[in-house]
Amino acid sequence: MLFAKAPIAGEVKTRLIPAIGADAAALLHQQLVERALLCLVDADVGQVELCCASESTHPFFLGCQQHFGVSLTQQREGDLGERMRAAFDHALLISSAALIVGADCPSITIDDVRTAAAQLERHDAALVPADDGGYVLIGVRQTHATMFDDIEWGTANVLAAQRDRFRSIGWQWSEGATRWDVDRPEDLARLSELNPPISFKRG
């Protein structure tokens, strides 16, 4: 599952807007979503679902559905933890394991996704850490009522807090290589390191 917002100027990548402008930030977000979808489709570990934070009928989402062959679902209300747990609950009704990936991590690889899926055959959960203290992928075989409790989303303590939650409920988990995502202006320079690179114009 890929969690994503529609690429609406002024509503996505807001921390980048002072550096590149609202329109460029929205276009960059669109490119990041498309790149992540391509990675998940090519990883071929299961049906790919685009979980939409805004209306799933937005033309961008409908275009992704047609181009990538993914299904569309609407994210539930609540904070990130509540939305992820609801998405996992739904996915695990029809699958023995499920993964959620964030839309802002162009450095995640097909091997990261495949490795995380394989690790779920012998672990309760799998994580791919981010170098800003969060994580860019989480996979589970089951859910737990407190699995996302007391996590301050958007801070540098997310990964440490998630590990604490897993320990508290007795889960065993694996962690992949640390990746980087694009949240802050200083992250933009990394886009040229990608293969293929992502380009953007400053507004």
Foldseek 3Di string as FASTA:
>chain_A
DEEAEQLDFPPALVQCCVPFHRNLRSVVLLVLQLLVLVQVLVLPPDAAEYEYADDCPPPSNVVCCVPSVHHYHYFDDDDPVVRVLVVQVVVLVPDQKDKYFYSFFNFDHSVNVNVQSVQQVPWQKEFEAAPQQATGMIMGRHDDPCQQPPADPPHNPRVVVNVVSCVVVVTGYYYDYYGHGDNHPVCVVCQVVDVPRDDTGGD
